[in-house]
């Protein structure tokens, strides 16, 4: 394990040790599910932005190509 992974694992274990009741586990589970849901939304938006950026670049290339042909 890398240092960062080891640190994250140790923090996770410490948090688990702090959980004493079922309610604590339920709250932790709800928080984790909400966090994962937000990460998925971010991932989806980043992917869409990347696709749009690529599309923009393609359009700009075509525009530049047309401009070069007009000058000839």
N, C-alpha and C. Protein backbone atom coordinates (compact mmCIF):
# COMPACT_ATOMS: atom_id res chain seq x y z
N UNK A 1 0.83 -1.19 0.00
CA UNK A 1 0.00 0.00 0.00
C UNK A 1 0.87 1.24 0.00
N UNK A 2 0.45 2.24 -0.75
CA UNK A 2 1.19 3.50 -0.73
C UNK A 2 0.91 4.23 0.58
N UNK A 3 1.71 5.26 0.84
CA UNK A 3 1.52 6.02 2.08
C UNK A 3 0.12 6.61 2.15
N UNK A 4 -0.35 7.16 1.03
CA UNK A 4 -1.67 7.79 1.01
C UNK A 4 -2.77 6.76 1.25
N UNK A 5 -2.66 5.60 0.59
CA UNK A 5 -3.65 4.54 0.79
C UNK A 5 -3.64 4.06 2.23
N UNK A 6 -2.44 3.90 2.78
CA UNK A 6 -2.30 3.45 4.16
C UNK A 6 -2.93 4.45 5.12
N UNK A 7 -2.69 5.74 4.87
CA UNK A 7 -3.25 6.80 5.71
C UNK A 7 -4.77 6.78 5.63
N UNK A 8 -5.31 6.66 4.41
CA UNK A 8 -6.76 6.62 4.24
C UNK A 8 -7.35 5.40 4.93
N UNK A 9 -6.68 4.26 4.83
CA UNK A 9 -7.15 3.05 5.48
C UNK A 9 -7.15 3.22 6.99
N UNK A 10 -6.08 3.77 7.53
CA UNK A 10 -6.00 3.98 8.98
C UNK A 10 -7.09 4.93 9.46
N UNK A 11 -7.35 5.99 8.70
CA UNK A 11 -8.41 6.93 9.06
C UNK A 11 -9.77 6.23 9.03
N UNK A 12 -9.97 5.38 8.03
CA UNK A 12 -11.23 4.64 7.92
C UNK A 12 -11.42 3.72 9.12
N UNK A 13 -10.36 3.02 9.52
CA UNK A 13 -10.43 2.11 10.67
C UNK A 13 -10.74 2.89 11.94
N UNK A 14 -10.09 4.04 12.11
CA UNK A 14 -10.35 4.87 13.29
C UNK A 14 -11.81 5.31 13.34
N UNK A 15 -12.35 5.69 12.19
CA UNK A 15 -13.75 6.10 12.14
C UNK A 15 -14.67 4.93 12.49
N UNK A 16 -14.35 3.75 12.00
CA UNK A 16 -15.17 2.58 12.31
C UNK A 16 -15.14 2.27 13.80
N UNK A 17 -13.99 2.45 14.42
CA UNK A 17 -13.87 2.18 15.85
C UNK A 17 -14.70 3.17 16.67
N UNK A 18 -14.92 4.36 16.13
CA UNK A 18 -15.71 5.37 16.83
C UNK A 18 -17.20 5.06 16.77
N UNK A 19 -17.61 4.28 15.79
CA UNK A 19 -19.03 3.95 15.64
C UNK A 19 -19.43 2.94 16.71
N UNK A 20 -20.41 3.30 17.52
CA UNK A 20 -20.78 2.44 18.64
C UNK A 20 -22.18 1.86 18.49
N UNK A 21 -23.07 2.55 17.79
CA UNK A 21 -24.45 2.09 17.70
C UNK A 21 -24.85 1.88 16.25
N UNK A 22 -25.97 1.23 16.08
CA UNK A 22 -26.50 1.01 14.75
C UNK A 22 -26.82 2.35 14.09
N UNK A 23 -27.30 3.30 14.88
CA UNK A 23 -27.61 4.63 14.35
C UNK A 23 -26.35 5.30 13.80
N UNK A 24 -25.23 5.10 14.50
CA UNK A 24 -23.96 5.65 14.01
C UNK A 24 -23.59 5.05 12.66
N UNK A 25 -23.77 3.73 12.55
CA UNK A 25 -23.47 3.06 11.29
C UNK A 25 -24.41 3.53 10.18
N UNK A 26 -25.70 3.66 10.53
CA UNK A 26 -26.68 4.12 9.55
C UNK A 26 -26.34 5.52 9.05
N UNK A 27 -25.98 6.40 9.96
CA UNK A 27 -25.62 7.76 9.59
C UNK A 27 -24.38 7.75 8.70
N UNK A 28 -23.38 6.97 9.08
CA UNK A 28 -22.15 6.87 8.29
C UNK A 28 -22.46 6.33 6.89
N UNK A 29 -23.33 5.32 6.83
CA UNK A 29 -23.72 4.73 5.55
C UNK A 29 -24.44 5.76 4.68
N UNK A 30 -25.37 6.51 5.26
CA UNK A 30 -26.09 7.53 4.51
C UNK A 30 -25.13 8.60 3.99
N UNK A 31 -24.21 9.01 4.84
CA UNK A 31 -23.23 10.02 4.43
C UNK A 31 -22.37 9.50 3.28
N UNK A 32 -21.94 8.26 3.38
CA UNK A 32 -21.09 7.67 2.35
C UNK A 32 -21.86 7.54 1.04
N UNK A 33 -23.12 7.12 1.11
CA UNK A 33 -23.94 6.99 -0.10
C UNK A 33 -24.13 8.35 -0.77
N UNK A 34 -24.38 9.38 0.03
CA UNK A 34 -24.55 10.73 -0.51
C UNK A 34 -23.26 11.21 -1.16
N UNK A 35 -22.14 10.93 -0.52
CA UNK A 35 -20.83 11.34 -1.05
C UNK A 35 -20.55 10.65 -2.38
N UNK A 36 -20.81 9.36 -2.45
CA UNK A 36 -20.59 8.60 -3.69
C UNK A 36 -21.51 9.12 -4.79
N UNK A 37 -22.74 9.44 -4.44
CA UNK A 37 -23.69 9.98 -5.42
C UNK A 37 -23.17 11.30 -5.99
N UNK A 38 -22.65 12.16 -5.13
CA UNK A 38 -22.08 13.43 -5.58
C UNK A 38 -20.87 13.21 -6.48
N UNK A 39 -20.02 12.25 -6.11
CA UNK A 39 -18.85 11.95 -6.94
C UNK A 39 -19.26 11.47 -8.33
N UNK A 40 -20.30 10.66 -8.38
CA UNK A 40 -20.79 10.17 -9.68
C UNK A 40 -21.31 11.32 -10.53
N UNK A 41 -22.00 12.28 -9.89
CA UNK A 41 -22.49 13.45 -10.62
C UNK A 41 -21.32 14.26 -11.17
N UNK A 42 -20.30 14.44 -10.35
CA UNK A 42 -19.12 15.19 -10.78
C UNK A 42 -18.44 14.48 -11.95
N UNK A 43 -18.30 13.17 -11.83
CA UNK A 43 -17.67 12.38 -12.90
C UNK A 43 -18.45 12.52 -14.20
N UNK A 44 -19.77 12.46 -14.11
CA UNK A 44 -20.62 12.57 -15.29
C UNK A 44 -20.46 13.95 -15.93
N UNK A 45 -20.43 14.98 -15.11
CA UNK A 45 -20.29 16.34 -15.63
C UNK A 45 -18.91 16.57 -16.25
N UNK A 46 -17.87 16.02 -15.62
CA UNK A 46 -16.52 16.16 -16.18
C UNK A 46 -16.44 15.47 -17.53
N UNK A 47 -17.06 14.30 -17.63
CA UNK A 47 -17.06 13.57 -18.89
C UNK A 47 -17.76 14.38 -19.97
N UNK A 48 -18.91 14.96 -19.63
CA UNK A 48 -19.66 15.77 -20.59
C UNK A 48 -18.85 16.99 -21.01
N UNK A 49 -18.19 17.63 -20.05
CA UNK A 49 -17.35 18.79 -20.37
C UNK A 49 -16.22 18.41 -21.31
N UNK A 50 -15.61 17.26 -21.07
CA UNK A 50 -14.52 16.80 -21.91
C UNK A 50 -15.03 16.52 -23.33
N UNK A 51 -16.20 15.91 -23.44
CA UNK A 51 -16.78 15.65 -24.76
C UNK A 51 -17.06 16.96 -25.49
N UNK A 52 -17.61 17.94 -24.79
CA UNK A 52 -17.90 19.23 -25.40
C UNK A 52 -16.62 19.95 -25.81
N UNK A 53 -15.59 19.83 -24.99
CA UNK A 53 -14.30 20.45 -25.32
C UNK A 53 -13.73 19.84 -26.60
N UNK A 54 -13.82 18.52 -26.72
CA UNK A 54 -13.34 17.85 -27.93
C UNK A 54 -14.15 18.28 -29.15
N UNK A 55 -15.45 18.39 -28.99
CA UNK A 55 -16.32 18.83 -30.08
C UNK A 55 -15.96 20.26 -30.50
N UNK A 56 -15.72 21.11 -29.51
CA UNK A 56 -15.33 22.50 -29.79
C UNK A 56 -14.03 22.53 -30.59
N UNK A 57 -13.06 21.73 -30.18
CA UNK A 57 -11.77 21.69 -30.88
C UNK A 57 -11.95 21.24 -32.33
N UNK A 58 -12.80 20.25 -32.55
CA UNK A 58 -13.04 19.78 -33.92
C UNK A 58 -13.67 20.87 -34.77
N UNK A 59 -14.62 21.59 -34.20
CA UNK A 59 -15.27 22.68 -34.93
C UNK A 59 -14.27 23.77 -35.27
N UNK A 60 -13.43 24.12 -34.30
CA UNK A 60 -12.41 25.15 -34.54
C UNK A 60 -11.43 24.73 -35.62
N UNK A 61 -11.06 23.46 -35.64
CA UNK A 61 -10.16 22.95 -36.68
C UNK A 61 -10.80 23.11 -38.06
N UNK A 62 -12.09 22.78 -38.14
CA UNK A 62 -12.79 22.89 -39.42
C UNK A 62 -12.88 24.34 -39.86
N UNK A 63 -13.16 25.23 -38.92
CA UNK A 63 -13.23 26.66 -39.24
C UNK A 63 -11.89 27.15 -39.75
N UNK A 64 -10.82 26.78 -39.06
CA UNK A 64 -9.47 27.19 -39.48
C UNK A 64 -9.12 26.64 -40.86
N UNK A 65 -9.54 25.43 -41.12
CA UNK A 65 -9.27 24.82 -42.42
C UNK A 65 -9.99 25.59 -43.52
N UNK A 66 -11.23 25.96 -43.28
CA UNK A 66 -12.00 26.74 -44.26
C UNK A 66 -11.36 28.10 -44.47
N UNK A 67 -10.93 28.73 -43.39
CA UNK A 67 -10.27 30.05 -43.48
C UNK A 67 -8.99 29.96 -44.31
N UNK A 68 -8.22 28.92 -44.12
CA UNK A 68 -6.98 28.74 -44.89
C UNK A 68 -7.28 28.55 -46.36
N UNK A 69 -8.33 27.79 -46.66
CA UNK A 69 -8.71 27.56 -48.06
C UNK A 69 -9.20 28.83 -48.73
N UNK A 70 -9.85 29.70 -47.99
CA UNK A 70 -10.33 30.97 -48.54
C UNK A 70 -9.16 31.87 -48.93
N UNK A 71 -8.10 31.82 -48.17
CA UNK A 71 -6.93 32.67 -48.41
C UNK A 71 -6.16 32.24 -49.64
N UNK A 72 -6.26 30.99 -50.01
CA UNK A 72 -5.51 30.47 -51.16
C UNK A 72 -6.09 30.93 -52.42
